[in-house]
């Protein structure tokens, strides 16, 4: 697995992922679709690993070129 997630991309993934997780934890129990917030785990994990399988399938690489 080669890194394919760059710096700004990592920051955005962490922010969005944590916001979704916070929604899952803090939303009132009466909201029946609060489970969707747990999808936030995926962007956080891909940011921490620096690898996104979807980027590989789509041929995207936001990581700066290594010299």
N, C-alpha and C. Protein backbone atom coordinates (compact mmCIF):
# COMPACT_ATOMS: atom_id res chain seq x y z
N UNK A 1 0.84 -1.18 0.00
CA UNK A 1 0.00 0.00 0.00
C UNK A 1 0.88 1.24 0.00
N UNK A 2 0.88 1.93 -1.10
CA UNK A 2 1.60 3.19 -1.18
C UNK A 2 0.66 4.32 -0.77
N UNK A 3 1.22 5.32 -0.11
CA UNK A 3 0.41 6.45 0.33
C UNK A 3 -0.17 7.17 -0.88
N UNK A 4 -1.45 7.50 -0.82
CA UNK A 4 -2.09 8.25 -1.90
C UNK A 4 -2.99 9.36 -1.37
N UNK A 5 -2.85 9.69 -0.08
CA UNK A 5 -3.63 10.75 0.54
C UNK A 5 -2.67 11.83 1.02
N UNK A 6 -2.80 13.04 0.47
CA UNK A 6 -1.91 14.15 0.80
C UNK A 6 -2.30 14.88 2.07
N UNK A 7 -1.53 15.90 2.40
CA UNK A 7 -1.68 16.64 3.65
C UNK A 7 -3.02 17.32 3.85
N UNK A 8 -3.43 18.14 2.89
CA UNK A 8 -4.71 18.85 3.02
C UNK A 8 -5.85 17.85 3.02
N UNK A 9 -5.73 16.83 2.20
CA UNK A 9 -6.74 15.78 2.13
C UNK A 9 -6.88 15.08 3.49
N UNK A 10 -5.76 14.82 4.15
CA UNK A 10 -5.78 14.18 5.47
C UNK A 10 -6.51 15.05 6.49
N UNK A 11 -6.19 16.33 6.48
CA UNK A 11 -6.82 17.26 7.43
C UNK A 11 -8.33 17.30 7.23
N UNK A 12 -8.75 17.40 5.96
CA UNK A 12 -10.20 17.43 5.67
C UNK A 12 -10.88 16.14 6.09
N UNK A 13 -10.23 15.01 5.84
CA UNK A 13 -10.81 13.72 6.22
C UNK A 13 -10.97 13.61 7.74
N UNK A 14 -9.97 14.07 8.48
CA UNK A 14 -10.04 14.00 9.94
C UNK A 14 -11.15 14.91 10.46
N UNK A 15 -11.24 16.13 9.95
CA UNK A 15 -12.26 17.08 10.41
C UNK A 15 -13.66 16.54 10.12
N UNK A 16 -13.89 16.09 8.89
CA UNK A 16 -15.21 15.58 8.52
C UNK A 16 -15.53 14.31 9.30
N UNK A 17 -14.55 13.42 9.42
CA UNK A 17 -14.76 12.17 10.15
C UNK A 17 -15.10 12.41 11.61
N UNK A 18 -14.36 13.30 12.26
CA UNK A 18 -14.64 13.60 13.67
C UNK A 18 -15.98 14.29 13.85
N UNK A 19 -16.36 15.13 12.89
CA UNK A 19 -17.68 15.78 12.96
C UNK A 19 -18.80 14.74 12.87
N UNK A 20 -18.64 13.78 11.98
CA UNK A 20 -19.66 12.73 11.85
C UNK A 20 -19.72 11.86 13.11
N UNK A 21 -18.57 11.52 13.67
CA UNK A 21 -18.54 10.71 14.89
C UNK A 21 -19.18 11.48 16.05
N UNK A 22 -18.88 12.79 16.13
CA UNK A 22 -19.48 13.61 17.18
C UNK A 22 -21.00 13.64 17.03
N UNK A 23 -21.46 13.71 15.80
CA UNK A 23 -22.91 13.67 15.56
C UNK A 23 -23.50 12.36 16.07
N UNK A 24 -22.81 11.26 15.79
CA UNK A 24 -23.31 9.95 16.23
C UNK A 24 -23.37 9.86 17.74
N UNK A 25 -22.40 10.46 18.41
CA UNK A 25 -22.35 10.38 19.87
C UNK A 25 -23.28 11.38 20.56
N UNK A 26 -23.47 12.55 19.96
CA UNK A 26 -24.17 13.63 20.65
C UNK A 26 -25.60 13.87 20.17
N UNK A 27 -25.99 13.26 19.07
CA UNK A 27 -27.35 13.48 18.55
C UNK A 27 -28.37 12.86 19.51
N UNK A 28 -29.52 13.48 19.63
CA UNK A 28 -30.56 12.92 20.50
C UNK A 28 -30.96 11.51 20.04
N UNK A 29 -31.33 10.69 20.98
CA UNK A 29 -31.70 9.30 20.67
C UNK A 29 -32.95 9.22 19.79
N UNK A 30 -33.70 10.31 19.71
CA UNK A 30 -34.93 10.29 18.92
C UNK A 30 -34.65 10.33 17.42
N UNK A 31 -33.42 10.68 17.03
CA UNK A 31 -33.07 10.71 15.61
C UNK A 31 -32.78 9.29 15.17
N UNK A 32 -33.59 8.76 14.28
CA UNK A 32 -33.46 7.35 13.90
C UNK A 32 -32.30 7.10 12.95
N UNK A 33 -31.75 8.11 12.30
CA UNK A 33 -30.67 7.91 11.35
C UNK A 33 -29.32 8.38 11.88
N UNK A 34 -29.17 8.45 13.20
CA UNK A 34 -27.90 8.92 13.75
C UNK A 34 -26.78 7.91 13.55
N UNK A 35 -27.13 6.66 13.20
CA UNK A 35 -26.12 5.64 12.91
C UNK A 35 -25.21 6.05 11.76
N UNK A 36 -25.71 6.93 10.89
CA UNK A 36 -24.91 7.34 9.74
C UNK A 36 -23.64 8.08 10.16
N UNK A 37 -23.65 8.63 11.35
CA UNK A 37 -22.46 9.32 11.86
C UNK A 37 -21.27 8.40 12.03
N UNK A 38 -21.52 7.13 12.24
CA UNK A 38 -20.42 6.17 12.42
C UNK A 38 -19.65 5.92 11.13
N UNK A 39 -20.18 6.38 10.01
CA UNK A 39 -19.43 6.31 8.75
C UNK A 39 -18.18 7.19 8.85
N UNK A 40 -18.16 8.13 9.78
CA UNK A 40 -17.01 9.00 10.00
C UNK A 40 -15.75 8.26 10.38
N UNK A 41 -15.87 7.02 10.81
CA UNK A 41 -14.69 6.23 11.15
C UNK A 41 -13.85 5.98 9.90
N UNK A 42 -14.48 5.81 8.76
CA UNK A 42 -13.77 5.50 7.51
C UNK A 42 -12.81 6.63 7.11
N UNK A 43 -13.26 7.89 7.01
CA UNK A 43 -12.30 8.93 6.63
C UNK A 43 -11.19 9.14 7.65
N UNK A 44 -11.50 8.94 8.93
CA UNK A 44 -10.45 9.09 9.95
C UNK A 44 -9.39 8.00 9.76
N UNK A 45 -9.82 6.77 9.56
CA UNK A 45 -8.86 5.67 9.37
C UNK A 45 -8.04 5.85 8.09
N UNK A 46 -8.68 6.26 7.00
CA UNK A 46 -7.92 6.45 5.77
C UNK A 46 -6.93 7.60 5.89
N UNK A 47 -7.28 8.62 6.66
CA UNK A 47 -6.34 9.72 6.88
C UNK A 47 -5.15 9.26 7.72
N UNK A 48 -5.42 8.48 8.75
CA UNK A 48 -4.33 8.01 9.61
C UNK A 48 -3.41 7.03 8.89
N UNK A 49 -3.97 6.21 8.00
CA UNK A 49 -3.16 5.26 7.24
C UNK A 49 -2.47 5.93 6.05
N UNK A 50 -3.04 7.03 5.56
CA UNK A 50 -2.48 7.70 4.40
C UNK A 50 -2.79 6.98 3.10
N UNK A 51 -3.73 6.06 3.14
CA UNK A 51 -4.10 5.26 1.97
C UNK A 51 -5.60 5.16 1.86
N UNK A 52 -6.11 5.40 0.65
CA UNK A 52 -7.55 5.29 0.39
C UNK A 52 -7.75 4.31 -0.76
N UNK A 53 -8.40 3.17 -0.48
CA UNK A 53 -8.64 2.19 -1.54
C UNK A 53 -9.46 2.75 -2.71
N UNK A 54 -10.39 3.63 -2.44
CA UNK A 54 -11.20 4.22 -3.51
C UNK A 54 -10.33 5.06 -4.44
N UNK A 55 -9.36 5.76 -3.91
CA UNK A 55 -8.44 6.55 -4.73
C UNK A 55 -7.66 5.64 -5.68
N UNK A 56 -7.28 4.47 -5.21
CA UNK A 56 -6.56 3.52 -6.05
C UNK A 56 -7.43 3.09 -7.23
N UNK A 57 -8.68 2.77 -6.96
CA UNK A 57 -9.59 2.35 -8.02
C UNK A 57 -9.85 3.46 -9.03
N UNK A 58 -9.89 4.70 -8.55
CA UNK A 58 -10.18 5.84 -9.42
C UNK A 58 -8.92 6.47 -10.03
N UNK A 59 -7.75 6.01 -9.62
CA UNK A 59 -6.50 6.54 -10.15
C UNK A 59 -6.14 7.92 -9.62
N UNK A 60 -6.58 8.23 -8.42
CA UNK A 60 -6.33 9.54 -7.81
C UNK A 60 -5.18 9.43 -6.82
N UNK A 61 -4.34 10.45 -6.77
CA UNK A 61 -3.25 10.49 -5.80
C UNK A 61 -3.04 11.95 -5.40
N UNK A 62 -3.36 12.30 -4.15
CA UNK A 62 -3.18 13.67 -3.68
C UNK A 62 -1.89 13.84 -2.89
N UNK A 63 -1.12 12.78 -2.81
CA UNK A 63 0.16 12.82 -2.11
C UNK A 63 1.19 13.53 -2.97
N UNK A 64 2.01 14.41 -2.39
CA UNK A 64 3.02 15.09 -3.21
C UNK A 64 4.05 14.08 -3.75
N UNK A 65 4.59 14.39 -4.91
CA UNK A 65 5.57 13.50 -5.54
C UNK A 65 6.84 13.42 -4.71
N UNK A 66 7.32 12.19 -4.53
CA UNK A 66 8.56 12.00 -3.77
C UNK A 66 9.75 12.21 -4.69
N UNK A 67 10.76 12.92 -4.17
CA UNK A 67 11.95 13.20 -4.98
C UNK A 67 13.13 12.40 -4.47
